[in-house]
Amino acid sequence: MNEGCQPRLPPSGYQQSMLGVTQTPAVVVKDLVYWRDPKKSGVVFGVSMLLLLSLAAFSIVSVVSYILLALLCVTISFRIYKSVVQAVQKSGDGHPFKAFMEKDVSVPPETFRKHVDQCLTYVNRALKQMSRLFLVEDLVDSLKLAVAMWLLTYVGAVFNGITILILADILIFTMPLVYEKNKTQIDKYVDIARTQINTTMAKLQEKLPASMKRGKTE
C-alpha cells in the first residue's frame, strides 16, 4: 500500500499533550470561552465566579488569606498523611512533594524581558491613544470617548466594580458561544447598527468646521 494512501492515525496521548503545550495563550483562552473542552471551561468559569463572589462578600486581603490557608491545610494534611503511611509501612518513599520541589520555578531573564517589552508596547500605544483623544486631535473621536464616559457614569451609579467584573465574567463565557451559534443573524444586525452609526458620524463631520475635524499638531 502506498504511503500516501495509508490512513492517518490519531495523535497519541504524548503528542496531544505536546500540542497542548505549544498552544499560544490566545488559543488557550479561545478554547476556554468557546467551551471546546466543557470540563476545563466549567472549572475555570466556576473558579473565577467563586473568586469574584468571594471578593464581593469579603475584602481582597481576607480572600487571599483564606485561599492560601486552604492550600496550606491541604498540603500539610497530605504531608502528615504520607508520613504516617510511610511510618506504618516502613517505606522509604521520602518527601511526597519531592518531584515538585526539584522543579525549577524561577523565571528566566529572557522570558521576563520579553513580557516586559510586550507590556511596554501596549502601554506606549495606550498613552499615545489617550494623548490623541484628550488633546482632541480628532474632535469626533474625542466626542465618542466623552459619550462613552458619560454612559459609564450611569453604569457606575448602578453597579460597583465587582458586580461589573461578575457580569463581564458571565458574558465572556456565554457571548462567544451564543455568537458562534447565531453568527449570521448577529452579523446582520451588527452591520445595520454600524452603518447607522457611520452615517450619523459622517453627517456630524460634515456639519463641523474644517478646522475642527482634524486638529493635528504640526
N, C-alpha and C. Protein backbone atom coordinates (compact mmCIF):
# COMPACT_ATOMS: atom_id res chain seq x y z
N MET A 1 0.85 -1.20 0.00
CA MET A 1 0.00 0.00 0.00
C MET A 1 0.88 1.24 0.00
N ASN A 2 0.49 2.22 -0.81
CA ASN A 2 1.24 3.46 -0.89
C ASN A 2 1.23 4.17 0.46
N GLU A 3 2.34 4.90 0.70
CA GLU A 3 2.41 5.66 1.96
C GLU A 3 1.36 6.75 2.01
N GLY A 4 1.07 7.35 0.82
CA GLY A 4 0.07 8.42 0.78
C GLY A 4 -1.33 7.91 0.99
N CYS A 5 -1.55 6.59 0.77
CA CYS A 5 -2.89 6.04 0.93
C CYS A 5 -3.13 5.47 2.31
N GLN A 6 -2.09 5.43 3.15
CA GLN A 6 -2.26 4.87 4.48
C GLN A 6 -3.13 5.79 5.33
N PRO A 7 -4.01 5.21 6.13
CA PRO A 7 -4.87 6.06 6.98
C PRO A 7 -4.04 6.76 8.05
N ARG A 8 -4.41 7.99 8.32
CA ARG A 8 -3.71 8.78 9.32
C ARG A 8 -4.22 8.42 10.70
N LEU A 9 -3.31 8.00 11.56
CA LEU A 9 -3.70 7.61 12.91
C LEU A 9 -3.87 8.84 13.77
N PRO A 10 -4.78 8.79 14.74
CA PRO A 10 -4.94 9.94 15.64
C PRO A 10 -3.70 10.11 16.48
N PRO A 11 -3.38 11.33 16.90
CA PRO A 11 -2.18 11.56 17.71
C PRO A 11 -2.26 10.84 19.03
N SER A 12 -1.12 10.35 19.47
CA SER A 12 -1.05 9.66 20.75
C SER A 12 -1.26 10.64 21.89
N GLY A 13 -1.37 10.09 23.12
CA GLY A 13 -1.55 10.95 24.29
C GLY A 13 -0.39 11.90 24.48
N TYR A 14 0.85 11.38 24.23
CA TYR A 14 2.02 12.26 24.37
C TYR A 14 1.99 13.38 23.34
N GLN A 15 1.63 13.00 22.07
CA GLN A 15 1.57 14.02 21.03
C GLN A 15 0.51 15.05 21.34
N GLN A 16 -0.66 14.61 21.87
CA GLN A 16 -1.73 15.55 22.22
C GLN A 16 -1.27 16.48 23.32
N SER A 17 -0.53 15.94 24.31
CA SER A 17 -0.06 16.79 25.39
C SER A 17 0.94 17.81 24.89
N MET A 18 1.83 17.39 23.94
CA MET A 18 2.79 18.32 23.38
C MET A 18 2.11 19.39 22.56
N LEU A 19 1.03 19.01 21.83
CA LEU A 19 0.27 20.01 21.08
C LEU A 19 -0.34 21.03 22.02
N GLY A 20 -0.83 20.56 23.18
CA GLY A 20 -1.42 21.47 24.15
C GLY A 20 -0.39 22.44 24.72
N VAL A 21 0.88 21.92 24.90
CA VAL A 21 1.92 22.77 25.46
C VAL A 21 2.30 23.88 24.51
N THR A 22 2.30 23.54 23.18
CA THR A 22 2.74 24.52 22.19
C THR A 22 1.66 25.53 21.84
N GLN A 23 0.45 25.40 22.37
CA GLN A 23 -0.60 26.35 22.08
C GLN A 23 -0.27 27.70 22.69
N THR A 24 -0.58 28.75 21.97
CA THR A 24 -0.36 30.10 22.47
C THR A 24 -1.44 30.45 23.49
N PRO A 25 -1.19 31.43 24.38
CA PRO A 25 -2.21 31.83 25.35
C PRO A 25 -3.53 32.25 24.69
N ALA A 26 -3.44 32.92 23.53
CA ALA A 26 -4.67 33.35 22.85
C ALA A 26 -5.51 32.16 22.44
N VAL A 27 -4.86 31.09 21.95
CA VAL A 27 -5.60 29.89 21.54
C VAL A 27 -6.22 29.21 22.75
N VAL A 28 -5.47 29.17 23.85
CA VAL A 28 -5.99 28.54 25.08
C VAL A 28 -7.22 29.28 25.57
N VAL A 29 -7.15 30.62 25.60
CA VAL A 29 -8.29 31.43 26.05
C VAL A 29 -9.48 31.23 25.12
N LYS A 30 -9.22 31.19 23.82
CA LYS A 30 -10.30 30.99 22.85
C LYS A 30 -10.98 29.65 23.06
N ASP A 31 -10.19 28.61 23.31
CA ASP A 31 -10.77 27.29 23.55
C ASP A 31 -11.62 27.28 24.82
N LEU A 32 -11.19 28.06 25.82
CA LEU A 32 -11.94 28.11 27.08
C LEU A 32 -13.28 28.81 26.90
N VAL A 33 -13.27 29.99 26.27
CA VAL A 33 -14.51 30.77 26.17
C VAL A 33 -15.48 30.16 25.15
N TYR A 34 -14.97 29.37 24.20
CA TYR A 34 -15.85 28.69 23.26
C TYR A 34 -16.22 27.28 23.73
N TRP A 35 -15.82 26.92 24.93
CA TRP A 35 -16.19 25.65 25.57
C TRP A 35 -15.82 24.45 24.69
N ARG A 36 -14.58 24.49 24.13
CA ARG A 36 -14.12 23.34 23.35
C ARG A 36 -14.00 22.11 24.23
N ASP A 37 -13.53 22.32 25.45
CA ASP A 37 -13.47 21.26 26.46
C ASP A 37 -14.37 21.68 27.61
N PRO A 38 -15.60 21.16 27.67
CA PRO A 38 -16.55 21.63 28.70
C PRO A 38 -16.03 21.49 30.13
N LYS A 39 -15.25 20.45 30.40
CA LYS A 39 -14.76 20.26 31.77
C LYS A 39 -13.80 21.39 32.17
N LYS A 40 -12.84 21.68 31.29
CA LYS A 40 -11.88 22.75 31.60
C LYS A 40 -12.58 24.11 31.69
N SER A 41 -13.45 24.40 30.72
CA SER A 41 -14.16 25.67 30.74
C SER A 41 -15.04 25.79 31.98
N GLY A 42 -15.70 24.70 32.35
CA GLY A 42 -16.54 24.71 33.54
C GLY A 42 -15.74 24.98 34.81
N VAL A 43 -14.56 24.36 34.91
CA VAL A 43 -13.71 24.57 36.08
C VAL A 43 -13.23 26.01 36.15
N VAL A 44 -12.75 26.55 35.02
CA VAL A 44 -12.25 27.92 35.00
C VAL A 44 -13.38 28.91 35.30
N PHE A 45 -14.54 28.69 34.69
CA PHE A 45 -15.68 29.58 34.94
C PHE A 45 -16.13 29.50 36.39
N GLY A 46 -16.20 28.29 36.93
CA GLY A 46 -16.62 28.12 38.32
C GLY A 46 -15.65 28.76 39.30
N VAL A 47 -14.36 28.56 39.08
CA VAL A 47 -13.35 29.13 39.98
C VAL A 47 -13.36 30.65 39.90
N SER A 48 -13.45 31.19 38.69
CA SER A 48 -13.46 32.65 38.54
C SER A 48 -14.70 33.26 39.18
N MET A 49 -15.85 32.63 39.00
CA MET A 49 -17.08 33.14 39.63
C MET A 49 -17.00 33.05 41.14
N LEU A 50 -16.47 31.94 41.66
CA LEU A 50 -16.33 31.79 43.11
C LEU A 50 -15.40 32.85 43.68
N LEU A 51 -14.30 33.13 42.96
CA LEU A 51 -13.37 34.15 43.42
C LEU A 51 -14.02 35.53 43.41
N LEU A 52 -14.74 35.86 42.34
CA LEU A 52 -15.38 37.18 42.26
C LEU A 52 -16.49 37.33 43.30
N LEU A 53 -17.27 36.27 43.52
CA LEU A 53 -18.32 36.33 44.55
C LEU A 53 -17.71 36.46 45.94
N SER A 54 -16.56 35.81 46.14
CA SER A 54 -15.87 35.95 47.43
C SER A 54 -15.38 37.37 47.63
N LEU A 55 -14.86 37.98 46.55
CA LEU A 55 -14.40 39.37 46.65
C LEU A 55 -15.56 40.33 46.88
N ALA A 56 -16.75 39.94 46.39
CA ALA A 56 -17.93 40.78 46.62
C ALA A 56 -18.38 40.73 48.07
N ALA A 57 -18.11 39.61 48.74
CA ALA A 57 -18.56 39.45 50.12
C ALA A 57 -17.48 39.81 51.14
N PHE A 58 -16.21 39.61 50.76
CA PHE A 58 -15.12 39.86 51.69
C PHE A 58 -14.08 40.76 51.04
N SER A 59 -13.15 41.26 51.85
CA SER A 59 -12.06 42.08 51.32
C SER A 59 -11.06 41.19 50.59
N ILE A 60 -10.26 41.80 49.72
CA ILE A 60 -9.29 41.03 48.95
C ILE A 60 -8.23 40.41 49.86
N VAL A 61 -7.92 41.07 50.99
CA VAL A 61 -6.95 40.52 51.94
C VAL A 61 -7.50 39.23 52.55
N SER A 62 -8.79 39.25 52.93
CA SER A 62 -9.40 38.06 53.52
C SER A 62 -9.47 36.92 52.51
N VAL A 63 -9.84 37.24 51.27
CA VAL A 63 -9.97 36.20 50.24
C VAL A 63 -8.62 35.54 49.98
N VAL A 64 -7.56 36.36 49.79
CA VAL A 64 -6.23 35.81 49.54
C VAL A 64 -5.77 34.99 50.73
N SER A 65 -6.03 35.49 51.94
CA SER A 65 -5.61 34.77 53.15
C SER A 65 -6.31 33.42 53.25
N TYR A 66 -7.63 33.38 52.99
CA TYR A 66 -8.38 32.13 53.05
C TYR A 66 -7.91 31.13 52.00
N ILE A 67 -7.60 31.63 50.80
CA ILE A 67 -7.13 30.74 49.73
C ILE A 67 -5.79 30.11 50.11
N LEU A 68 -4.85 30.95 50.59
CA LEU A 68 -3.55 30.43 50.98
C LEU A 68 -3.65 29.51 52.19
N LEU A 69 -4.54 29.85 53.12
CA LEU A 69 -4.74 28.99 54.29
C LEU A 69 -5.30 27.63 53.88
N ALA A 70 -6.28 27.63 52.96
CA ALA A 70 -6.83 26.36 52.49
C ALA A 70 -5.78 25.53 51.78
N LEU A 71 -4.94 26.18 50.97
CA LEU A 71 -3.87 25.46 50.27
C LEU A 71 -2.88 24.87 51.27
N LEU A 72 -2.53 25.64 52.29
CA LEU A 72 -1.62 25.13 53.31
C LEU A 72 -2.22 23.96 54.08
N CYS A 73 -3.51 24.04 54.39
CA CYS A 73 -4.18 22.95 55.10
C CYS A 73 -4.12 21.66 54.28
N VAL A 74 -4.34 21.78 52.97
CA VAL A 74 -4.30 20.60 52.10
C VAL A 74 -2.90 20.01 52.05
N THR A 75 -1.89 20.85 51.81
CA THR A 75 -0.52 20.34 51.69
C THR A 75 0.00 19.78 53.01
N ILE A 76 -0.29 20.47 54.12
CA ILE A 76 0.17 19.98 55.43
C ILE A 76 -0.51 18.66 55.78
N SER A 77 -1.84 18.58 55.54
CA SER A 77 -2.57 17.34 55.83
C SER A 77 -2.03 16.18 54.99
N PHE A 78 -1.77 16.44 53.72
CA PHE A 78 -1.25 15.39 52.85
C PHE A 78 0.15 14.97 53.28
N ARG A 79 0.96 15.95 53.69
CA ARG A 79 2.32 15.64 54.17
C ARG A 79 2.28 14.77 55.41
N ILE A 80 1.41 15.10 56.37
CA ILE A 80 1.29 14.31 57.59
C ILE A 80 0.76 12.91 57.27
N TYR A 81 -0.25 12.84 56.37
CA TYR A 81 -0.83 11.54 56.00
C TYR A 81 0.22 10.62 55.38
N LYS A 82 1.02 11.16 54.46
CA LYS A 82 2.05 10.34 53.81
C LYS A 82 3.13 9.92 54.80
N SER A 83 3.45 10.80 55.76
CA SER A 83 4.45 10.45 56.77
C SER A 83 3.96 9.30 57.65
N VAL A 84 2.68 9.35 58.02
CA VAL A 84 2.11 8.28 58.84
C VAL A 84 2.09 6.97 58.06
N VAL A 85 1.67 7.02 56.79
CA VAL A 85 1.63 5.82 55.96
C VAL A 85 3.03 5.23 55.79
N GLN A 86 4.04 6.07 55.57
CA GLN A 86 5.40 5.58 55.41
C GLN A 86 5.92 4.98 56.71
N ALA A 87 5.53 5.57 57.85
CA ALA A 87 5.97 5.03 59.14
C ALA A 87 5.33 3.67 59.41
N VAL A 88 4.04 3.53 59.06
CA VAL A 88 3.35 2.26 59.29
C VAL A 88 3.88 1.18 58.35
N GLN A 89 4.05 1.54 57.09
CA GLN A 89 4.51 0.57 56.10
C GLN A 89 6.02 0.43 56.08
N LYS A 90 6.72 1.28 56.82
CA LYS A 90 8.18 1.27 56.89
C LYS A 90 8.80 1.36 55.49
N SER A 91 8.25 2.28 54.71
CA SER A 91 8.76 2.51 53.36
C SER A 91 9.64 3.75 53.34
N GLY A 92 10.48 3.83 52.35
CA GLY A 92 11.39 4.98 52.24
C GLY A 92 11.08 5.82 51.02
N ASP A 93 9.81 6.18 50.84
CA ASP A 93 9.41 6.95 49.66
C ASP A 93 9.93 8.38 49.70
N GLY A 94 10.20 8.88 50.89
CA GLY A 94 10.70 10.25 51.01
C GLY A 94 9.59 11.28 50.99
N HIS A 95 9.97 12.51 50.73
CA HIS A 95 9.02 13.62 50.76
C HIS A 95 7.99 13.47 49.63
N PRO A 96 6.69 13.60 49.94
CA PRO A 96 5.67 13.41 48.90
C PRO A 96 5.70 14.47 47.80
N PHE A 97 6.26 15.63 48.12
CA PHE A 97 6.31 16.71 47.13
C PHE A 97 7.71 16.89 46.54
N LYS A 98 8.52 15.84 46.63
CA LYS A 98 9.90 15.94 46.18
C LYS A 98 9.99 16.29 44.69
N ALA A 99 9.14 15.66 43.87
CA ALA A 99 9.17 15.91 42.42
C ALA A 99 8.86 17.37 42.12
N PHE A 100 7.92 17.96 42.86
CA PHE A 100 7.57 19.37 42.65
C PHE A 100 8.66 20.30 43.18
N MET A 101 9.28 19.91 44.30
CA MET A 101 10.31 20.75 44.91
C MET A 101 11.57 20.82 44.04
N GLU A 102 11.82 19.77 43.25
CA GLU A 102 13.01 19.74 42.40
C GLU A 102 12.83 20.50 41.10
N LYS A 103 11.59 20.89 40.79
CA LYS A 103 11.34 21.65 39.56
C LYS A 103 11.83 23.08 39.71
N ASP A 104 12.36 23.61 38.62
CA ASP A 104 12.84 24.99 38.61
C ASP A 104 11.66 25.92 38.33
N VAL A 105 11.30 26.71 39.34
CA VAL A 105 10.15 27.61 39.20
C VAL A 105 10.57 29.05 38.95
N SER A 106 11.87 29.26 38.80
CA SER A 106 12.36 30.62 38.56
C SER A 106 12.02 31.06 37.14
N VAL A 107 11.84 32.37 36.97
CA VAL A 107 11.51 32.94 35.66
C VAL A 107 12.81 33.31 34.95
N PRO A 108 13.06 32.77 33.75
CA PRO A 108 14.29 33.13 33.02
C PRO A 108 14.30 34.62 32.69
N PRO A 109 15.48 35.26 32.76
CA PRO A 109 15.56 36.70 32.44
C PRO A 109 15.05 37.03 31.05
N GLU A 110 15.31 36.12 30.08
CA GLU A 110 14.85 36.39 28.71
C GLU A 110 13.33 36.44 28.63
N THR A 111 12.69 35.49 29.32
CA THR A 111 11.22 35.47 29.32
C THR A 111 10.66 36.71 30.00
N PHE A 112 11.28 37.10 31.12
CA PHE A 112 10.81 38.29 31.84
C PHE A 112 10.94 39.53 30.97
N ARG A 113 12.11 39.68 30.32
CA ARG A 113 12.33 40.86 29.47
C ARG A 113 11.38 40.86 28.28
N LYS A 114 11.09 39.66 27.74
CA LYS A 114 10.18 39.58 26.61
C LYS A 114 8.79 40.08 26.98
N HIS A 115 8.29 39.63 28.15
CA HIS A 115 6.94 40.05 28.58
C HIS A 115 6.93 41.53 28.96
N VAL A 116 8.03 42.01 29.55
CA VAL A 116 8.10 43.44 29.89
C VAL A 116 8.07 44.28 28.62
N ASP A 117 8.81 43.84 27.60
CA ASP A 117 8.81 44.57 26.33
C ASP A 117 7.42 44.58 25.69
N GLN A 118 6.71 43.45 25.77
CA GLN A 118 5.36 43.39 25.23
C GLN A 118 4.42 44.33 25.98
N CYS A 119 4.53 44.31 27.32
CA CYS A 119 3.69 45.21 28.12
C CYS A 119 4.01 46.66 27.82
N LEU A 120 5.31 46.97 27.64
CA LEU A 120 5.71 48.34 27.35
C LEU A 120 5.14 48.80 26.01
N THR A 121 5.08 47.90 25.04
CA THR A 121 4.49 48.24 23.74
C THR A 121 3.03 48.63 23.90
N TYR A 122 2.28 47.83 24.68
CA TYR A 122 0.86 48.13 24.90
C TYR A 122 0.68 49.43 25.68
N VAL A 123 1.55 49.66 26.68
CA VAL A 123 1.45 50.89 27.48
C VAL A 123 1.70 52.11 26.62
N ASN A 124 2.74 52.05 25.79
CA ASN A 124 3.04 53.19 24.92
C ASN A 124 1.92 53.44 23.92
N ARG A 125 1.34 52.36 23.41
CA ARG A 125 0.23 52.51 22.46
C ARG A 125 -0.97 53.15 23.16
N ALA A 126 -1.23 52.72 24.40
CA ALA A 126 -2.36 53.28 25.15
C ALA A 126 -2.12 54.76 25.47
N LEU A 127 -0.89 55.10 25.86
CA LEU A 127 -0.57 56.50 26.17
C LEU A 127 -0.70 57.39 24.93
N LYS A 128 -0.28 56.87 23.79
CA LYS A 128 -0.40 57.64 22.56
C LYS A 128 -1.86 57.86 22.20
N GLN A 129 -2.67 56.81 22.39
CA GLN A 129 -4.10 56.94 22.08
C GLN A 129 -4.78 57.92 23.04
N MET A 130 -4.44 57.84 24.34
CA MET A 130 -5.02 58.75 25.31
C MET A 130 -4.64 60.20 25.01
N SER A 131 -3.37 60.41 24.63
CA SER A 131 -2.93 61.76 24.27
C SER A 131 -3.71 62.27 23.06
N ARG A 132 -3.93 61.41 22.09
CA ARG A 132 -4.67 61.81 20.88
C ARG A 132 -6.11 62.18 21.21
N LEU A 133 -6.72 61.41 22.13
CA LEU A 133 -8.13 61.65 22.46
C LEU A 133 -8.31 62.87 23.37
N PHE A 134 -7.48 62.97 24.42
CA PHE A 134 -7.68 64.04 25.39
C PHE A 134 -7.16 65.37 24.89
N LEU A 135 -6.25 65.36 23.93
CA LEU A 135 -5.79 66.61 23.33
C LEU A 135 -6.58 66.96 22.07
N VAL A 136 -7.65 66.20 21.81
CA VAL A 136 -8.62 66.47 20.76
C VAL A 136 -7.94 66.59 19.39
N GLU A 137 -7.17 65.57 19.03
CA GLU A 137 -6.61 65.54 17.67
C GLU A 137 -7.73 65.40 16.65
N ASP A 138 -8.71 64.54 16.98
CA ASP A 138 -9.91 64.39 16.15
C ASP A 138 -11.11 64.64 17.04
N LEU A 139 -11.86 65.69 16.76
CA LEU A 139 -12.98 66.08 17.63
C LEU A 139 -14.02 64.98 17.74
N VAL A 140 -14.31 64.30 16.63
CA VAL A 140 -15.35 63.26 16.65
C VAL A 140 -14.94 62.10 17.56
N ASP A 141 -13.68 61.68 17.46
CA ASP A 141 -13.21 60.59 18.33
C ASP A 141 -13.24 60.99 19.79
N SER A 142 -12.88 62.23 20.08
CA SER A 142 -12.93 62.71 21.47
C SER A 142 -14.37 62.78 21.97
N LEU A 143 -15.29 63.16 21.09
CA LEU A 143 -16.71 63.18 21.48
C LEU A 143 -17.23 61.77 21.74
N LYS A 144 -16.77 60.81 20.96
CA LYS A 144 -17.15 59.41 21.20
C LYS A 144 -16.70 58.98 22.59
N LEU A 145 -15.46 59.33 22.96
CA LEU A 145 -14.96 58.98 24.28
C LEU A 145 -15.77 59.67 25.37
N ALA A 146 -16.13 60.93 25.15
CA ALA A 146 -16.92 61.67 26.14
C ALA A 146 -18.28 61.01 26.34
N VAL A 147 -18.92 60.58 25.24
CA VAL A 147 -20.22 59.90 25.35
C VAL A 147 -20.07 58.59 26.10
N ALA A 148 -18.99 57.84 25.79
CA ALA A 148 -18.76 56.57 26.47
C ALA A 148 -18.55 56.78 27.97
N MET A 149 -17.76 57.80 28.35
CA MET A 149 -17.53 58.08 29.76
C MET A 149 -18.82 58.53 30.46
N TRP A 150 -19.65 59.30 29.73
CA TRP A 150 -20.93 59.74 30.29
C TRP A 150 -21.85 58.55 30.56
N LEU A 151 -21.87 57.60 29.63
CA LEU A 151 -22.67 56.39 29.84
C LEU A 151 -22.14 55.56 31.00
N LEU A 152 -20.81 55.52 31.14
CA LEU A 152 -20.21 54.74 32.23
C LEU A 152 -20.54 55.33 33.60
N THR A 153 -20.80 56.64 33.66
CA THR A 153 -21.19 57.22 34.94
C THR A 153 -22.51 56.64 35.42
N TYR A 154 -23.43 56.38 34.47
CA TYR A 154 -24.70 55.74 34.84
C TYR A 154 -24.50 54.28 35.21
N VAL A 155 -23.60 53.60 34.49
CA VAL A 155 -23.30 52.21 34.84
C VAL A 155 -22.70 52.13 36.24
N GLY A 156 -21.76 53.06 36.54
CA GLY A 156 -21.13 53.07 37.85
C GLY A 156 -22.10 53.42 38.97
N ALA A 157 -23.16 54.17 38.65
CA ALA A 157 -24.14 54.51 39.67
C ALA A 157 -25.01 53.31 40.03
N VAL A 158 -25.12 52.34 39.11
CA VAL A 158 -25.97 51.17 39.35
C VAL A 158 -25.15 49.98 39.85
N PHE A 159 -23.96 49.78 39.27
CA PHE A 159 -23.13 48.63 39.63
C PHE A 159 -21.81 49.11 40.19
N ASN A 160 -21.28 48.33 41.15
CA ASN A 160 -19.92 48.59 41.60
C ASN A 160 -18.93 47.79 40.76
N GLY A 161 -17.65 47.94 41.05
CA GLY A 161 -16.63 47.31 40.23
C GLY A 161 -16.72 45.79 40.22
N ILE A 162 -16.95 45.18 41.38
CA ILE A 162 -17.01 43.72 41.45
C ILE A 162 -18.22 43.19 40.68
N THR A 163 -19.35 43.89 40.78
CA THR A 163 -20.54 43.46 40.04
C THR A 163 -20.28 43.50 38.54
N ILE A 164 -19.60 44.56 38.08
CA ILE A 164 -19.27 44.65 36.66
C ILE A 164 -18.35 43.51 36.25
N LEU A 165 -17.39 43.17 37.10
CA LEU A 165 -16.48 42.06 36.79
C LEU A 165 -17.24 40.73 36.74
N ILE A 166 -18.21 40.55 37.63
CA ILE A 166 -19.01 39.31 37.62
C ILE A 166 -19.83 39.22 36.33
N LEU A 167 -20.46 40.34 35.95
CA LEU A 167 -21.22 40.35 34.69
C LEU A 167 -20.30 40.12 33.50
N ALA A 168 -19.11 40.72 33.54
CA ALA A 168 -18.15 40.52 32.44
C ALA A 168 -17.71 39.07 32.35
N ASP A 169 -17.50 38.43 33.49
CA ASP A 169 -17.11 37.02 33.51
C ASP A 169 -18.20 36.15 32.89
N ILE A 170 -19.45 36.45 33.23
CA ILE A 170 -20.57 35.69 32.66
C ILE A 170 -20.66 35.90 31.16
N LEU A 171 -20.50 37.15 30.72
CA LEU A 171 -20.57 37.46 29.28
C LEU A 171 -19.42 36.81 28.51
N ILE A 172 -18.23 36.79 29.11
CA ILE A 172 -17.07 36.21 28.43
C ILE A 172 -17.29 34.72 28.16
N PHE A 173 -17.96 34.04 29.09
CA PHE A 173 -18.14 32.60 28.93
C PHE A 173 -19.48 32.23 28.26
N THR A 174 -20.28 33.23 27.89
CA THR A 174 -21.55 32.93 27.23
C THR A 174 -21.67 33.55 25.84
N MET A 175 -21.25 34.82 25.70
CA MET A 175 -21.44 35.51 24.44
C MET A 175 -20.70 34.88 23.26
N PRO A 176 -19.42 34.46 23.41
CA PRO A 176 -18.77 33.83 22.25
C PRO A 176 -19.50 32.60 21.74
N LEU A 177 -20.03 31.79 22.67
CA LEU A 177 -20.75 30.59 22.27
C LEU A 177 -22.07 30.95 21.59
N VAL A 178 -22.76 31.96 22.13
CA VAL A 178 -24.00 32.42 21.51
C VAL A 178 -23.73 32.99 20.12
N TYR A 179 -22.64 33.77 20.00
CA TYR A 179 -22.29 34.35 18.71
C TYR A 179 -21.94 33.26 17.69
N GLU A 180 -21.23 32.24 18.14
CA GLU A 180 -20.84 31.16 17.22
C GLU A 180 -22.06 30.42 16.68
N LYS A 181 -23.08 30.27 17.51
CA LYS A 181 -24.27 29.53 17.09
C LYS A 181 -25.25 30.40 16.29
N ASN A 182 -25.16 31.72 16.44
CA ASN A 182 -26.08 32.64 15.73
C ASN A 182 -25.30 33.70 14.97
N LYS A 183 -24.19 33.30 14.37
CA LYS A 183 -23.28 34.25 13.74
C LYS A 183 -23.94 35.05 12.62
N THR A 184 -24.71 34.38 11.78
CA THR A 184 -25.30 35.05 10.62
C THR A 184 -26.27 36.15 11.04
N GLN A 185 -27.19 35.82 11.94
CA GLN A 185 -28.18 36.81 12.39
C GLN A 185 -27.52 37.97 13.13
N ILE A 186 -26.55 37.65 14.00
CA ILE A 186 -25.90 38.71 14.77
C ILE A 186 -25.11 39.63 13.87
N ASP A 187 -24.37 39.06 12.90
CA ASP A 187 -23.60 39.89 11.97
C ASP A 187 -24.50 40.81 11.16
N LYS A 188 -25.69 40.32 10.82
CA LYS A 188 -26.63 41.14 10.06
C LYS A 188 -27.03 42.38 10.83
N TYR A 189 -27.40 42.20 12.10
CA TYR A 189 -27.84 43.34 12.91
C TYR A 189 -26.66 44.25 13.28
N VAL A 190 -25.47 43.67 13.48
CA VAL A 190 -24.29 44.48 13.76
C VAL A 190 -23.95 45.36 12.57
N ASP A 191 -24.05 44.81 11.36
CA ASP A 191 -23.78 45.61 10.15
C ASP A 191 -24.78 46.75 10.01
N ILE A 192 -26.05 46.48 10.34
CA ILE A 192 -27.06 47.55 10.28
C ILE A 192 -26.73 48.66 11.27
N ALA A 193 -26.38 48.26 12.51
CA ALA A 193 -26.04 49.25 13.53
C ALA A 193 -24.78 50.02 13.15
N ARG A 194 -23.78 49.32 12.61
CA ARG A 194 -22.54 50.00 12.21
C ARG A 194 -22.79 50.99 11.09
N THR A 195 -23.62 50.60 10.13
CA THR A 195 -23.95 51.50 9.02
C THR A 195 -24.65 52.75 9.53
N GLN A 196 -25.58 52.56 10.47
CA GLN A 196 -26.32 53.69 11.02
C GLN A 196 -25.39 54.63 11.79
N ILE A 197 -24.47 54.05 12.57
CA ILE A 197 -23.53 54.88 13.33
C ILE A 197 -22.60 55.64 12.40
N ASN A 198 -22.08 54.95 11.38
CA ASN A 198 -21.18 55.60 10.44
C ASN A 198 -21.88 56.73 9.68
N THR A 199 -23.15 56.51 9.34
CA THR A 199 -23.90 57.55 8.65
C THR A 199 -24.10 58.77 9.55
N THR A 200 -24.43 58.50 10.80
CA THR A 200 -24.62 59.61 11.75
C THR A 200 -23.33 60.38 11.96
N MET A 201 -22.21 59.65 12.10
CA MET A 201 -20.92 60.31 12.30
C MET A 201 -20.51 61.11 11.06
N ALA A 202 -20.79 60.58 9.88
CA ALA A 202 -20.46 61.30 8.65
C ALA A 202 -21.25 62.60 8.56
N LYS A 203 -22.53 62.57 8.92
CA LYS A 203 -23.35 63.78 8.90
C LYS A 203 -22.83 64.80 9.92
N LEU A 204 -22.39 64.27 11.09
CA LEU A 204 -21.85 65.17 12.11
C LEU A 204 -20.56 65.84 11.64
N GLN A 205 -19.70 65.07 10.99
CA GLN A 205 -18.45 65.62 10.50
C GLN A 205 -18.67 66.67 9.41
N GLU A 206 -19.69 66.45 8.60
CA GLU A 206 -19.99 67.42 7.55
C GLU A 206 -20.42 68.76 8.11
N LYS A 207 -21.05 68.73 9.30
CA LYS A 207 -21.54 69.98 9.89
C LYS A 207 -20.45 70.71 10.67
N LEU A 208 -19.33 70.03 10.95
CA LEU A 208 -18.26 70.68 11.70
C LEU A 208 -17.41 71.55 10.79
N PRO A 209 -16.86 72.64 11.33
CA PRO A 209 -15.91 73.44 10.54
C PRO A 209 -14.68 72.61 10.18
N ALA A 210 -14.05 72.95 9.09
CA ALA A 210 -12.88 72.18 8.62
C ALA A 210 -11.76 72.18 9.66
N SER A 211 -11.62 73.29 10.39
CA SER A 211 -10.52 73.37 11.37
C SER A 211 -10.74 72.47 12.58
N MET A 212 -11.97 72.02 12.80
CA MET A 212 -12.27 71.20 13.96
C MET A 212 -12.33 69.71 13.64
N LYS A 213 -12.32 69.39 12.36
CA LYS A 213 -12.40 67.96 12.01
C LYS A 213 -11.12 67.23 12.33
N ARG A 214 -10.02 67.88 12.12
CA ARG A 214 -8.74 67.23 12.39
C ARG A 214 -7.77 68.27 12.86
N GLY A 215 -7.38 68.20 14.12
CA GLY A 215 -6.53 69.22 14.68
C GLY A 215 -5.14 68.72 14.99
N LYS A 216 -4.48 68.15 14.03
CA LYS A 216 -3.14 67.61 14.24
C LYS A 216 -2.15 68.74 14.50
N THR A 217 -1.24 68.46 15.42
CA THR A 217 -0.19 69.43 15.68
C THR A 217 0.89 69.32 14.62
N GLU A 218 1.42 70.45 14.27
CA GLU A 218 2.46 70.45 13.22
C GLU A 218 3.77 69.95 13.78
